[in-house]
Protein backbone atom coordinates (compact mmCIF):
# COMPACT_ATOMS: atom_id res chain seq x y z
CA MET A 1 153.66 8.54 89.29
CA THR A 2 156.14 8.55 86.41
CA ALA A 3 158.49 10.81 88.34
CA LEU A 4 158.32 8.50 91.38
CA ARG A 5 159.19 5.44 89.30
CA ARG A 6 162.08 7.30 87.70
CA THR A 7 163.28 8.42 91.15
CA ILE A 8 163.20 4.83 92.40
CA ARG A 9 165.17 3.61 89.36
CA LEU A 10 167.77 6.36 89.69
CA HIS A 11 168.11 5.72 93.43
CA GLU A 12 168.50 1.97 92.94
CA ALA A 13 171.05 2.53 90.19
CA PHE A 14 173.06 4.86 92.40
CA LEU A 15 172.99 2.40 95.31
CA GLN A 16 174.01 -0.52 93.10
CA LYS A 17 176.89 1.47 91.68
CA ASN A 18 178.00 2.37 95.18
CA TYR A 19 177.59 -1.23 96.43
CA ARG A 20 179.70 -2.64 93.60
CA ALA A 21 182.38 0.01 94.08
CA VAL A 22 182.63 -0.72 97.79
CA ASP A 23 182.59 -4.48 97.11
CA GLY A 24 185.58 -3.92 94.82
CA LEU A 25 187.30 -2.01 97.62
CA PHE A 26 186.80 -4.88 100.04
CA LEU A 27 188.02 -7.41 97.45
CA TRP A 28 191.42 -5.71 97.50
CA LEU A 29 191.24 -5.04 101.23
CA MET A 30 190.56 -8.69 102.10
CA GLY A 31 193.56 -9.84 100.07
CA LEU A 32 195.83 -7.23 101.60
CA GLN A 33 194.64 -8.08 105.12
CA TYR A 34 195.31 -11.76 104.58
CA VAL A 35 198.85 -11.03 103.46
CA ALA A 36 199.27 -8.62 106.38
CA ALA A 37 198.07 -11.28 108.82
CA VAL A 38 200.63 -13.79 107.54
CA VAL A 39 203.40 -11.18 107.65
CA ALA A 40 202.38 -10.20 111.19
CA ALA A 41 202.39 -13.84 112.24
CA LEU A 42 205.92 -14.25 110.88
CA THR A 43 207.35 -11.00 112.30
CA LEU A 44 205.22 -9.34 114.99
CA THR A 45 203.64 -12.36 116.71
CA PRO A 46 206.88 -14.05 117.83
CA THR A 47 207.98 -10.79 119.48
CA THR A 48 204.60 -10.14 121.04
CA TRP A 49 203.94 -13.64 122.29
CA SER A 50 207.49 -14.99 122.80
CA GLY A 51 209.69 -12.01 123.76
CA THR A 52 212.52 -11.38 121.32
CA GLN A 53 212.78 -14.92 120.00
CA ARG A 54 212.41 -15.06 116.18
CA VAL A 55 211.01 -18.52 115.39
CA VAL A 56 208.20 -19.87 113.29
CA HIS A 57 205.41 -19.20 115.71
CA PRO A 58 202.31 -21.49 115.92
CA HIS A 59 200.16 -18.48 115.05
CA VAL A 60 201.60 -18.58 111.52
CA TRP A 61 199.30 -21.51 110.91
CA SER A 62 196.42 -19.55 112.44
CA ALA A 63 197.09 -16.72 110.01
CA LEU A 64 197.39 -19.02 107.00
CA VAL A 65 194.43 -21.31 107.73
CA LEU A 66 192.05 -19.20 109.81
CA GLY A 67 192.84 -16.09 107.77
CA GLY A 68 192.03 -17.99 104.58
CA VAL A 69 188.78 -19.34 106.05
CA ILE A 70 187.72 -15.79 107.02
CA THR A 71 188.76 -14.21 103.71
CA ALA A 72 187.36 -16.86 101.33
CA PRO A 73 183.57 -16.33 101.90
CA ALA A 74 183.81 -12.59 101.35
CA VAL A 75 185.95 -12.96 98.20
CA VAL A 76 183.65 -15.62 96.75
CA MET A 77 180.51 -13.56 97.40
CA ILE A 78 182.10 -10.47 95.85
CA LEU A 79 183.08 -12.39 92.71
CA VAL A 80 179.75 -14.24 92.42
CA ARG A 81 177.11 -11.82 93.78
CA SER A 82 178.64 -8.35 93.89
CA GLY A 83 176.15 -5.69 94.92
CA SER A 84 173.78 -7.98 96.82
CA LYS A 85 172.76 -7.59 100.46
CA ALA A 86 173.98 -11.09 101.25
CA THR A 87 177.43 -10.08 100.04
CA GLN A 88 177.42 -6.97 102.23
CA TYR A 89 176.50 -8.90 105.39
CA THR A 90 179.08 -11.57 104.58
CA ILE A 91 181.73 -8.89 104.13
CA ALA A 92 180.70 -7.23 107.42
CA VAL A 93 181.10 -10.47 109.39
CA CYS A 94 184.36 -11.49 107.65
CA GLN A 95 185.89 -8.03 108.00
CA MET A 96 185.28 -7.89 111.76
CA LEU A 97 186.57 -11.46 112.17
CA MET A 98 189.73 -10.41 110.30
CA SER A 99 190.10 -7.49 112.74
CA SER A 100 189.82 -9.99 115.61
CA LEU A 101 192.46 -12.21 114.02
CA LEU A 102 194.88 -9.29 113.62
CA VAL A 103 194.31 -8.29 117.27
CA HIS A 104 195.03 -11.88 118.27
CA LEU A 105 198.22 -12.05 116.18
CA SER A 106 199.52 -8.84 117.78
CA GLY A 107 198.94 -10.18 121.27
CA GLY A 108 196.10 -7.77 122.00
CA ARG A 109 198.14 -4.63 121.35
CA ILE A 110 195.94 -1.53 121.66
CA GLU A 111 197.20 -0.12 118.33
CA THR A 112 195.69 -3.11 116.47
CA HIS A 113 192.26 -2.44 118.01
CA PHE A 114 192.02 0.69 115.83
CA HIS A 115 191.63 -1.72 112.89
CA ILE A 116 188.13 -2.40 114.27
CA PHE A 117 187.22 1.30 114.08
CA GLY A 118 188.65 1.54 110.57
CA SER A 119 186.67 -1.55 109.50
CA LEU A 120 183.41 0.02 110.74
CA ALA A 121 184.22 3.21 108.85
CA PHE A 122 184.83 1.24 105.64
CA LEU A 123 181.52 -0.62 106.10
CA ALA A 124 179.78 2.75 106.43
CA PHE A 125 180.68 3.41 102.77
CA TYR A 126 177.71 1.16 101.91
CA ARG A 127 175.46 3.99 103.29
CA ASP A 128 173.33 1.36 105.04
CA TRP A 129 173.36 1.47 108.86
CA LYS A 130 171.97 -2.06 109.07
CA ILE A 131 175.33 -3.43 107.82
CA LEU A 132 176.93 -2.11 111.03
CA ILE A 133 174.66 -4.23 113.28
CA PRO A 134 176.19 -7.70 112.56
CA ALA A 135 179.65 -6.13 112.54
CA THR A 136 179.08 -4.71 116.03
CA ILE A 137 177.59 -8.00 117.29
CA VAL A 138 180.57 -9.98 116.00
CA THR A 139 183.03 -7.58 117.63
CA ALA A 140 181.21 -7.54 120.97
CA GLY A 141 180.84 -11.34 121.00
CA ASP A 142 184.49 -11.83 120.16
CA HIS A 143 185.59 -9.54 123.02
CA VAL A 144 183.26 -11.28 125.49
CA LEU A 145 184.36 -14.83 124.63
CA ARG A 146 188.07 -14.15 124.32
CA GLY A 147 188.00 -11.90 127.39
CA LEU A 148 186.62 -14.82 129.40
CA TYR A 149 188.73 -17.67 128.03
CA PHE A 150 191.76 -16.16 126.30
CA PRO A 151 192.24 -12.51 127.44
CA MET A 152 195.92 -12.44 126.41
CA SER A 153 194.92 -12.63 122.73
CA VAL A 154 192.55 -9.67 122.85
CA TYR A 155 193.73 -7.42 125.70
CA GLY A 156 197.39 -8.40 126.08
CA VAL A 157 196.91 -9.36 129.72
CA PRO A 158 196.62 -12.92 131.07
CA THR A 159 193.96 -12.32 133.77
CA ASP A 160 191.30 -9.96 135.17
CA ALA A 161 189.81 -9.03 131.81
CA GLU A 162 186.29 -10.45 132.23
CA PHE A 163 184.58 -7.06 132.12
CA ARG A 164 187.00 -5.16 129.92
CA PHE A 165 184.81 -5.90 126.93
CA LEU A 166 182.37 -3.26 128.22
CA GLU A 167 184.90 -0.47 127.64
CA HIS A 168 185.83 -1.67 124.14
CA THR A 169 182.22 -2.31 123.16
CA GLY A 170 181.33 1.15 124.45
CA TRP A 171 183.84 2.81 122.10
CA VAL A 172 182.53 0.74 119.18
CA LEU A 173 178.96 1.85 119.97
CA PHE A 174 180.18 5.44 120.28
CA GLU A 175 181.53 5.26 116.74
CA ASP A 176 178.37 3.47 115.57
CA VAL A 177 176.23 6.42 116.67
CA PHE A 178 178.08 8.80 114.33
CA LEU A 179 178.24 6.23 111.52
CA PHE A 180 174.51 5.50 111.88
CA LEU A 181 173.74 9.23 111.54
CA ALA A 182 176.10 9.53 108.58
CA CYS A 183 174.52 6.52 106.82
CA ARG A 184 170.99 7.86 107.33
CA THR A 185 172.00 11.31 106.16
CA THR A 186 173.82 10.13 103.03
CA SER A 187 171.02 7.70 102.20
CA ALA A 188 168.48 10.52 102.42
CA GLU A 189 170.77 12.71 100.35
CA ALA A 190 171.01 10.01 97.67
CA TRP A 191 167.20 9.84 97.53
CA THR A 192 167.00 13.64 97.31
CA MET A 193 169.50 13.68 94.47
CA ALA A 194 167.50 11.02 92.64
CA GLU A 195 164.30 13.06 93.12
CA ARG A 196 165.99 16.17 91.83
CA GLN A 197 167.41 14.32 88.83
CA ALA A 198 164.02 12.82 88.01
CA ALA A 199 162.35 16.20 88.43
CA LEU A 200 165.01 17.83 86.30
CA GLU A 201 164.56 15.30 83.52
CA GLU A 202 160.82 15.76 83.62
CA THR A 203 161.20 19.54 83.77
CA ASN A 204 163.64 19.55 80.85
CA GLU A 205 161.20 17.56 78.78
CA LEU A 206 158.38 19.92 79.66
CA VAL A 207 160.56 22.96 79.04
CA GLU A 208 161.62 21.69 75.63
CA GLN A 209 158.00 21.15 74.70
CA ALA A 210 156.99 24.57 76.05
CA VAL A 211 159.83 26.38 74.28
CA SER A 212 158.98 24.76 70.97
CA ARG A 213 155.33 25.71 71.34
CA ARG A 214 155.90 29.25 72.62
CA THR A 215 158.48 30.16 69.98
CA GLU A 216 155.84 29.93 67.30
CA GLU A 217 153.45 32.04 69.36
CA LEU A 218 156.04 34.74 70.00
CA VAL A 219 156.70 35.13 66.26
CA GLU A 220 153.04 35.85 65.58
CA THR A 221 151.94 37.87 68.62
CA VAL A 222 153.28 40.46 70.98
CA LEU A 223 154.74 38.78 74.05
CA GLY A 224 152.79 40.88 76.56
CA LYS A 225 149.39 39.96 75.01
CA SER A 226 149.97 36.25 74.40
CA ALA A 227 148.46 33.52 76.54
CA VAL A 228 151.95 32.22 77.19
CA PHE A 229 153.03 35.57 78.61
CA GLU A 230 150.13 35.73 81.06
CA SER A 231 150.19 32.07 82.11
CA ALA A 232 153.95 31.73 82.58
CA LEU A 233 154.96 30.74 86.12
CA ASP A 234 158.17 32.78 85.87
CA GLY A 235 158.12 36.55 86.06
CA ILE A 236 158.51 38.31 82.69
CA PHE A 237 159.26 41.99 82.13
CA VAL A 238 159.39 43.71 78.75
CA PHE A 239 161.89 46.60 78.77
CA GLY A 240 162.43 49.33 76.27
CA PRO A 241 165.88 50.18 74.83
CA ALA A 242 166.66 52.53 77.75
CA GLY A 243 165.59 50.01 80.41
CA GLN A 244 162.08 51.35 81.12
CA VAL A 245 159.34 48.79 81.89
CA ILE A 246 156.82 48.44 79.10
CA GLU A 247 154.85 45.43 80.32
CA ALA A 248 154.97 42.77 83.00
CA ASN A 249 153.06 39.55 83.44
CA GLY A 250 151.09 38.56 86.53
CA ALA A 251 153.87 36.32 87.87
CA ALA A 252 156.34 39.24 87.77
CA ILE A 253 153.88 41.59 89.50
CA GLY A 254 153.22 39.03 92.23
CA MET A 255 156.89 38.13 92.57
CA PHE A 256 157.88 41.75 93.28
CA GLY A 257 154.74 42.72 95.20
CA LEU A 258 153.86 45.42 92.64
CA SER A 259 150.61 46.93 91.51
CA GLU A 260 149.68 48.04 87.97
CA ALA A 261 150.33 51.64 89.01
CA ASP A 262 153.84 50.77 90.22
CA LEU A 263 154.86 49.83 86.67
CA ASP A 264 154.72 53.45 85.51
CA GLY A 265 158.21 54.85 85.67
CA LEU A 266 159.74 51.59 86.89
CA THR A 267 163.16 50.86 85.37
CA PHE A 268 165.45 47.88 85.07
CA GLU A 269 167.81 49.21 87.74
CA GLN A 270 165.07 49.65 90.35
CA ILE A 271 164.23 45.95 90.68
CA TRP A 272 167.70 44.95 91.92
CA ALA A 273 169.35 44.91 95.33
CA GLU A 274 172.39 47.12 95.87
CA SER A 275 174.86 44.23 95.59
CA SER A 276 173.57 43.15 92.17
CA LEU A 277 173.02 46.67 90.89
CA SER A 278 176.74 47.47 91.11
CA GLU A 279 177.51 44.36 89.07
CA LEU A 280 174.89 45.22 86.43
CA GLU A 281 176.12 48.81 86.12
CA GLY A 282 179.62 47.54 85.51
CA ARG A 283 178.37 45.31 82.71
CA ALA A 284 176.07 47.85 81.06
CA GLY A 285 178.52 50.74 81.13
CA ARG A 286 177.25 54.28 80.64
CA THR A 287 174.63 53.51 77.97
CA GLY A 288 172.22 51.65 80.26
CA SER A 289 171.22 49.46 77.30
CA LEU A 290 170.21 45.81 77.81
CA ALA A 291 171.93 44.70 74.62
CA TRP A 292 174.83 43.26 76.63
CA ALA A 293 172.46 40.91 78.50
CA SER A 294 170.79 39.36 75.45
CA GLY A 295 171.31 35.60 75.47
CA ARG A 296 172.90 35.57 78.94
CA HIS A 297 171.86 33.73 82.11
CA LEU A 298 172.77 35.40 85.41
CA GLU A 299 172.07 34.70 89.10
CA LEU A 300 171.38 37.96 90.92
CA VAL A 301 169.61 39.38 93.97
CA ALA A 302 166.31 41.18 93.31
CA ARG A 303 164.43 43.56 95.57
CA LYS A 304 160.69 43.57 96.20
CA SER A 305 158.65 46.69 96.62
CA THR A 306 158.70 46.04 100.38
CA GLY A 307 162.51 46.15 100.40
CA ASP A 308 162.95 42.40 100.94
CA VAL A 309 165.57 40.74 98.76
CA PHE A 310 165.52 37.28 97.16
CA PRO A 311 167.70 35.34 94.67
CA VAL A 312 166.61 35.07 91.03
CA GLU A 313 167.91 33.71 87.75
CA LEU A 314 167.80 36.26 84.91
CA ALA A 315 167.58 35.47 81.20
CA VAL A 316 167.28 38.30 78.64
CA ALA A 317 166.25 37.98 75.01
CA LYS A 318 165.91 40.63 72.35
CA ILE A 319 162.47 40.69 70.75
CA GLY A 320 161.03 42.59 67.84
CA GLY A 321 159.47 45.95 68.52
CA ARG A 322 157.81 48.63 66.41
CA GLY A 323 160.70 50.78 65.32
CA GLU A 324 162.99 50.09 68.27
CA ALA A 325 164.44 47.10 70.07
CA GLN A 326 162.74 45.66 73.11
CA TYR A 327 164.04 43.12 75.61
CA ALA A 328 162.17 40.36 77.42
CA ALA A 329 163.65 39.57 80.83
CA VAL A 330 162.58 36.25 82.38
CA LEU A 331 163.14 36.00 86.15
CA ARG A 332 162.88 32.76 88.08
CA ASP A 333 162.63 32.87 91.87
CA LEU A 334 165.48 30.73 93.31
CA SER A 335 164.43 31.00 96.97
CA GLU A 336 163.30 27.37 97.19
CA ARG A 337 166.42 26.11 95.44
CA THR A 338 168.57 28.15 97.83
CA ARG A 339 166.80 26.58 100.82
CA LEU A 340 167.31 23.12 99.33
CA GLN A 341 171.00 23.84 98.78
CA ALA A 342 171.27 24.89 102.43
CA ARG A 343 169.77 21.56 103.54
CA VAL A 344 172.09 19.61 101.24
CA LEU A 345 175.04 21.57 102.60
CA GLN A 346 174.05 20.75 106.18
CA ALA A 347 173.72 17.07 105.21
CA THR A 348 177.20 17.19 103.67
CA LYS A 349 178.53 18.80 106.84
CA MET A 350 177.06 16.04 109.02
CA GLU A 351 178.48 13.41 106.66
CA SER A 352 181.91 14.97 107.14
CA LEU A 353 181.43 14.82 110.91
CA GLY A 354 180.50 11.15 110.66
CA GLN A 355 183.60 10.38 108.64
CA LEU A 356 185.74 12.27 111.21
CA ALA A 357 184.05 10.64 114.22
CA VAL A 358 186.77 8.03 114.78
CA GLY A 359 189.51 10.64 114.80
CA VAL A 360 187.57 12.94 117.12
CA ALA A 361 186.95 10.04 119.53
CA HIS A 362 190.67 9.31 119.55
CA GLU A 363 191.51 13.00 120.12
CA ILE A 364 189.17 13.09 123.13
CA ASN A 365 190.39 9.76 124.52
CA THR A 366 194.06 10.81 124.57
CA PRO A 367 193.70 13.76 127.02
CA ASN A 368 191.18 11.73 129.03
CA GLN A 369 193.82 9.08 129.60
CA TYR A 370 196.41 11.43 131.07
CA ILE A 371 193.71 13.27 133.04
CA GLY A 372 192.86 9.95 134.68
CA ASP A 373 196.52 9.04 135.28
CA ASN A 374 197.27 12.39 136.93
CA LEU A 375 194.18 12.28 139.13
CA THR A 376 195.04 8.72 140.18
CA TYR A 377 198.53 9.91 141.17
CA VAL A 378 197.07 12.84 143.15
CA ALA A 379 194.69 10.50 144.99
CA GLU A 380 197.48 8.08 145.91
CA SER A 381 199.76 10.94 147.00
CA PHE A 382 196.97 12.40 149.12
CA ASP A 383 196.69 9.12 151.08
CA ARG A 384 200.42 9.17 151.87
CA ILE A 385 200.40 12.84 152.85
CA ALA A 386 197.27 12.26 154.97
CA ASP A 387 199.11 9.53 156.93
CA TYR A 388 202.02 11.94 157.46
CA VAL A 389 199.68 14.72 158.67
CA ARG A 390 197.86 12.38 161.08
CA ILE A 391 201.17 11.43 162.72
CA CYS A 392 202.12 15.13 162.93
CA ARG A 393 198.89 15.80 164.79
CA ASP A 394 200.04 13.38 167.53
CA LEU A 395 202.49 16.13 168.57
CA GLU A 396 199.51 18.00 170.01
CA VAL A 397 199.09 15.41 172.80
CA VAL A 398 202.78 14.65 173.57
CA GLY A 399 203.34 14.53 177.32
CA SER A 400 207.04 13.81 177.68
CA GLU A 401 210.34 14.14 175.86
CA ASP A 402 210.42 10.38 175.16
CA GLU A 403 206.99 10.54 173.57
CA PHE A 404 208.13 13.57 171.55
CA ARG A 405 211.17 11.69 170.19
CA SER A 406 208.97 8.66 169.40
CA VAL A 407 206.49 10.77 167.43
CA GLN A 408 209.36 12.59 165.72
CA GLU A 409 210.83 9.25 164.56
CA ARG A 410 207.43 8.19 163.25
CA ILE A 411 207.09 11.51 161.39
CA VAL A 412 210.50 11.09 159.75
CA GLY A 413 209.66 7.50 158.84
CA ALA A 414 206.28 8.46 157.33
CA ALA A 415 207.90 11.27 155.33
CA ARG A 416 210.45 8.88 153.88
CA LYS A 417 207.98 6.09 153.25
CA GLY A 418 205.43 8.37 151.61
CA ASP A 419 208.05 10.45 149.79
CA VAL A 420 206.12 13.51 150.97
CA SER A 421 208.60 16.08 149.69
CA TYR A 422 208.50 14.66 146.15
CA SER A 423 204.70 14.45 146.19
CA LEU A 424 204.35 18.08 147.28
CA ASP A 425 206.49 19.10 144.28
CA GLU A 426 204.71 16.86 141.77
CA ILE A 427 201.04 17.26 142.75
CA PRO A 428 200.75 20.85 141.36
CA ALA A 429 202.25 19.68 138.06
CA ALA A 430 199.84 16.72 137.90
CA LEU A 431 196.85 18.98 138.57
CA SER A 432 198.09 21.46 135.95
CA GLN A 433 198.36 18.68 133.35
CA ALA A 434 194.84 17.47 134.24
CA GLN A 435 193.53 21.03 133.74
CA GLU A 436 195.27 21.20 130.36
CA GLY A 437 193.61 17.93 129.39
CA VAL A 438 190.17 19.21 130.40
CA ALA A 439 190.79 22.39 128.38
CA ARG A 440 191.82 20.29 125.36
CA VAL A 441 188.63 18.18 125.52
CA GLY A 442 186.57 21.35 125.90
CA GLN A 443 188.24 22.87 122.83
CA ILE A 444 187.47 19.80 120.72
CA VAL A 445 183.84 19.59 121.88
CA LYS A 446 183.29 23.33 121.33
CA ALA A 447 184.77 23.11 117.82
CA MET A 448 182.52 20.14 116.97
CA LYS A 449 179.46 21.95 118.36
CA GLU A 450 180.12 25.14 116.41
CA PHE A 451 180.91 23.20 113.25
CA ALA A 452 177.74 21.08 113.43
CA HIS A 453 175.44 24.06 114.13
CA PRO A 454 173.18 24.66 111.09
CA GLY A 455 173.46 28.42 111.55
CA THR A 456 170.89 31.04 110.62
CA PRO A 457 169.65 32.14 107.19
CA ASP A 458 170.90 35.67 107.82
CA LEU A 459 174.49 36.78 107.45
CA THR A 460 176.30 37.26 110.75
CA ALA A 461 179.57 38.83 111.81
CA THR A 462 182.12 36.05 111.34
CA ASP A 463 185.59 35.77 112.87
CA VAL A 464 187.59 34.08 110.10
CA ASN A 465 190.42 33.12 112.48
CA LYS A 466 187.96 31.33 114.77
CA VAL A 467 186.46 29.48 111.79
CA VAL A 468 189.95 28.34 110.73
CA GLN A 469 190.92 27.26 114.26
CA ASN A 470 187.74 25.16 114.62
CA ALA A 471 188.38 23.47 111.26
CA ILE A 472 191.97 22.66 112.27
CA ALA A 473 190.78 21.19 115.59
CA VAL A 474 188.05 19.03 114.04
CA THR A 475 190.36 17.66 111.32
CA ARG A 476 193.37 17.09 113.60
CA ASN A 477 193.22 13.31 113.34
CA GLU A 478 193.18 13.57 109.52
CA TRP A 479 196.49 15.44 109.28
CA LYS A 480 198.51 14.84 112.45
CA TYR A 481 199.84 11.43 111.37
CA VAL A 482 200.98 12.58 107.92
CA SER A 483 202.01 16.21 108.28
CA GLN A 484 202.92 19.14 110.45
CA MET A 485 200.37 21.94 110.77
CA SER A 486 201.34 25.62 110.82
CA ASP A 487 198.79 28.37 111.33
CA ASP A 488 199.81 31.90 110.40
CA LEU A 489 196.69 33.85 111.38
CA GLN A 490 196.71 37.66 111.20
CA PRO A 491 195.56 38.79 114.66
CA ASP A 492 193.58 41.81 113.46
CA VAL A 493 192.02 40.24 110.38
CA PRO A 494 188.70 42.06 109.65
CA ILE A 495 185.31 40.59 110.49
CA VAL A 496 183.31 39.45 107.45
CA GLN A 497 179.57 38.98 107.01
CA GLY A 498 178.75 35.34 106.33
CA HIS A 499 177.65 31.95 107.62
CA PRO A 500 180.31 30.58 110.03
CA GLY A 501 179.18 26.97 109.68
CA GLU A 502 179.33 27.04 105.88
CA LEU A 503 182.72 28.78 105.82
CA GLY A 504 183.98 26.21 108.33
CA GLN A 505 182.82 23.43 105.98
CA ALA A 506 184.76 25.01 103.12
CA VAL A 507 188.00 25.34 105.14
CA LEU A 508 187.57 21.80 106.53
CA ASN A 509 187.24 20.40 103.01
CA LEU A 510 190.42 22.19 101.91
CA ILE A 511 192.40 20.90 104.92
CA VAL A 512 191.19 17.30 104.45
CA ASN A 513 191.98 17.56 100.73
CA ALA A 514 195.52 18.71 101.60
CA ALA A 515 195.97 15.84 104.09
CA HIS A 516 194.89 13.28 101.48
CA ALA A 517 197.30 14.71 98.90
CA ILE A 518 200.18 14.54 101.41
CA LYS A 519 199.29 11.01 102.46
CA GLU A 520 199.23 9.90 98.83
CA LYS A 521 202.63 11.47 98.14
CA PHE A 522 204.50 10.29 101.23
CA ASP A 523 202.69 6.96 101.59
CA GLY A 524 201.63 7.70 105.16
CA ARG A 525 205.01 8.95 106.38
CA PRO A 526 204.81 12.12 108.55
CA ASP A 527 206.87 14.17 106.09
CA GLY A 528 204.16 16.55 104.92
CA HIS A 529 203.43 20.10 105.88
CA ILE A 530 200.18 22.09 105.81
CA THR A 531 200.14 25.84 106.31
CA VAL A 532 196.91 27.78 106.92
CA ARG A 533 197.15 31.56 106.68
CA THR A 534 194.73 34.45 107.04
CA ARG A 535 195.34 38.05 106.07
CA SER A 536 193.54 41.14 104.90
CA ASP A 537 194.04 42.19 101.29
CA GLY A 538 192.46 45.55 100.52
CA HIS A 539 188.71 44.98 100.51
CA ALA A 540 188.91 41.23 101.09
CA VAL A 541 189.95 38.68 103.71
CA VAL A 542 192.14 35.89 102.32
CA ILE A 543 192.41 32.33 103.65
CA GLU A 544 195.19 30.18 102.20
CA VAL A 545 195.60 26.41 102.69
CA ALA A 546 198.96 25.26 101.30
CA ASP A 547 200.45 21.76 101.27
CA ASN A 548 203.47 19.95 99.87
CA GLY A 549 201.44 17.03 98.55
CA THR A 550 201.07 15.55 95.08
CA GLY A 551 199.82 18.69 93.35
CA ILE A 552 196.99 18.64 90.80
CA PRO A 553 197.58 17.01 87.39
CA ALA A 554 197.21 19.39 84.47
CA ALA A 555 194.40 17.32 82.93
CA VAL A 556 192.27 17.63 86.07
CA ARG A 557 192.70 21.34 86.80
CA PRO A 558 189.96 22.71 84.46
CA LYS A 559 187.29 20.59 86.18
CA ILE A 560 188.69 20.52 89.72
CA PHE A 561 185.59 22.27 91.14
CA ASP A 562 183.08 20.10 89.24
CA PRO A 563 180.88 17.81 91.39
CA PHE A 564 182.16 14.22 91.72
CA SER A 565 185.47 15.17 90.07
CA THR A 566 188.25 13.39 92.00
CA THR A 567 191.66 11.81 91.48
CA LYS A 568 191.38 9.70 94.65
CA GLY A 569 190.73 5.99 94.84
CA VAL A 570 187.42 4.32 95.69
CA GLY A 571 186.32 5.02 99.23
CA ILE A 572 188.57 8.10 99.66
CA GLY A 573 186.23 11.05 99.38
CA THR A 574 183.18 11.52 97.19
CA GLY A 575 184.55 14.10 94.76
CA GLN A 576 182.32 16.80 96.26
CA GLY A 577 184.71 18.43 98.76
CA LEU A 578 186.15 21.07 96.43
CA SER A 579 182.80 21.50 94.66
CA VAL A 580 181.05 22.21 97.96
CA ALA A 581 183.84 24.56 99.07
CA HIS A 582 183.64 26.44 95.76
CA SER A 583 179.85 26.83 95.95
CA ILE A 584 180.09 28.11 99.55
CA VAL A 585 182.74 30.70 98.69
CA VAL A 586 180.84 31.90 95.60
CA LYS A 587 177.64 32.12 97.67
CA HIS A 588 179.50 34.50 99.99
CA GLY A 589 180.49 36.68 97.01
CA GLY A 590 184.08 35.46 97.13
CA GLU A 591 186.50 33.59 94.92
CA LEU A 592 188.25 30.22 95.33
CA SER A 593 191.43 29.83 93.29
CA PHE A 594 194.54 27.68 93.47
CA GLU A 595 198.17 27.50 92.49
CA THR A 596 199.70 24.08 92.02
CA GLU A 597 202.81 22.33 90.84
CA GLU A 598 202.56 18.63 90.15
CA GLY A 599 204.71 16.71 92.62
CA ALA A 600 205.43 19.82 94.74
CA GLY A 601 202.08 20.81 96.28
CA THR A 602 199.04 23.07 96.02
CA CYS A 603 197.87 26.32 97.60
CA PHE A 604 194.11 27.01 97.65
CA ARG A 605 193.19 30.65 98.19
CA VAL A 606 189.78 31.81 99.49
CA SER A 607 189.03 35.52 99.04
CA LEU A 608 186.01 36.85 100.94
CA PRO A 609 184.77 40.44 100.52
CA ILE A 610 184.65 42.67 103.57
CA VAL A 611 181.05 43.91 103.75
CA ARG A 612 180.95 47.36 105.37
CA GLN A 613 178.13 48.30 107.71
CA ASP A 614 176.99 51.33 105.68
CA LYS A 615 176.70 49.30 102.50
CA GLU A 616 174.73 46.61 104.28
CA GLN A 617 172.25 49.14 105.58
CA ALA A 618 171.86 50.62 102.12
CA ALA A 619 170.99 47.22 100.73
């Protein structure tokens, strides 16, 4: 019960901290939007609503008065009751009303409608899907009412917009689906983190008590015969100076599936998988002594008597022996922690997809638009050509020369009227463009599907180039407005053994990080450049993500891979992107490094080992 109460307190503290941070973000955002509305009313609105005439437009008063009325409640609630639910719902309503005002001031320009999608994404930072409900209702209601009585202000057309709200509301609901999933996932993740923190605090307290108690017992008794040794939940081996097993507790025997007879002749090297054994041999050198491991904590892969492998944490301590040194090795099974990390990683991946949902929707909508335009043109051209063909068929029943000349004149007239020659030249191009659009949508959907797949617990043959191409496709809307993208992928790069979904998450995080650095440096101007390369380097495959962004400040570099370490502002990332990427690469036995120059850019380099088939079978 104590752990539950502590979990609840930690969770509430985390949510309150997040609520106040997002409230602070909206405090600045509301002020900036109000200024932007006034500026738009003075500059954009006269052009949109009155042609090229530059006069003080009546909408200036709408921006000043109505904008102030919309902004004031949110600002007051933030200053008076920051972190409360009432403040969040007030902000949700005011933010969507401000989006409606900006759409109105721009004369219903389609570009301004993207402010609605951005507003929903900002509201999702609260990690509470219920906040999105009033925001969606306000947006839908605004489009319905203004579409009926004032369509020019919302759609930019004076008439025939009664049902257009269905299309716009549909796109809002499309985004809501992804944001709802992201909010639920991140909320569950926050609860899981609070549980783990509470459990860790409780465990640390228990461990400190146990260590204090067991230290006294170890001084007086032999470790293998003590009650602590036999009752410990972790596996404990006692090794001689040459690495031979002297004793093992029940947890160690059960952990490795051994029997008492199996302990005879068992050595330190025999309990490890092939991958970890090579690392241990490199550390121990030729002596085979465990002196090097005393006082160290290592994460390795152990091997059961059945041949199955599992992750463990190893701690070695030198203990007193009769005439010669002995070493106690404590092994903790990390299988459950590894499974939990996999679930957290999948949750992080889905959160990334939720944050990228708006961009992906836009990337799909663009080819859909020109698919529809081309098919409409083909349909119209078909009608004209069909009329021409029907007249041509009248030649089959011509009975006289006069009738022939009459039909001939009609054929010539239909060809000119329908511009048949031009249509016959353009229809193949229109169909080709429509096919390209379909292929583009299919590529995006396939990349999203492969990226979202949780994968399997076993390592699989992974095409690094395909992983990189999927990450570039999914993140396209993050980088295409601020930078150029170059991919220099070695065609024959070797296949590696790994988890494609996790590696895709790592590359995606690096690309998004590069896009943010470029956007910060160039203030949104499309002057940046991102280069993604793959190549083979001896026994490893290398992935490089280079940008010409801000670079990493010297003070931040030592902790750049620490969780929640970030140089970005509130609402831009969670500080876990590089940490998650680093943990994924290390999990795959690789290395993640970087080269950076402040003000000039950064190059992150992922090095993944090439696992050969014969070595895998030996393991």
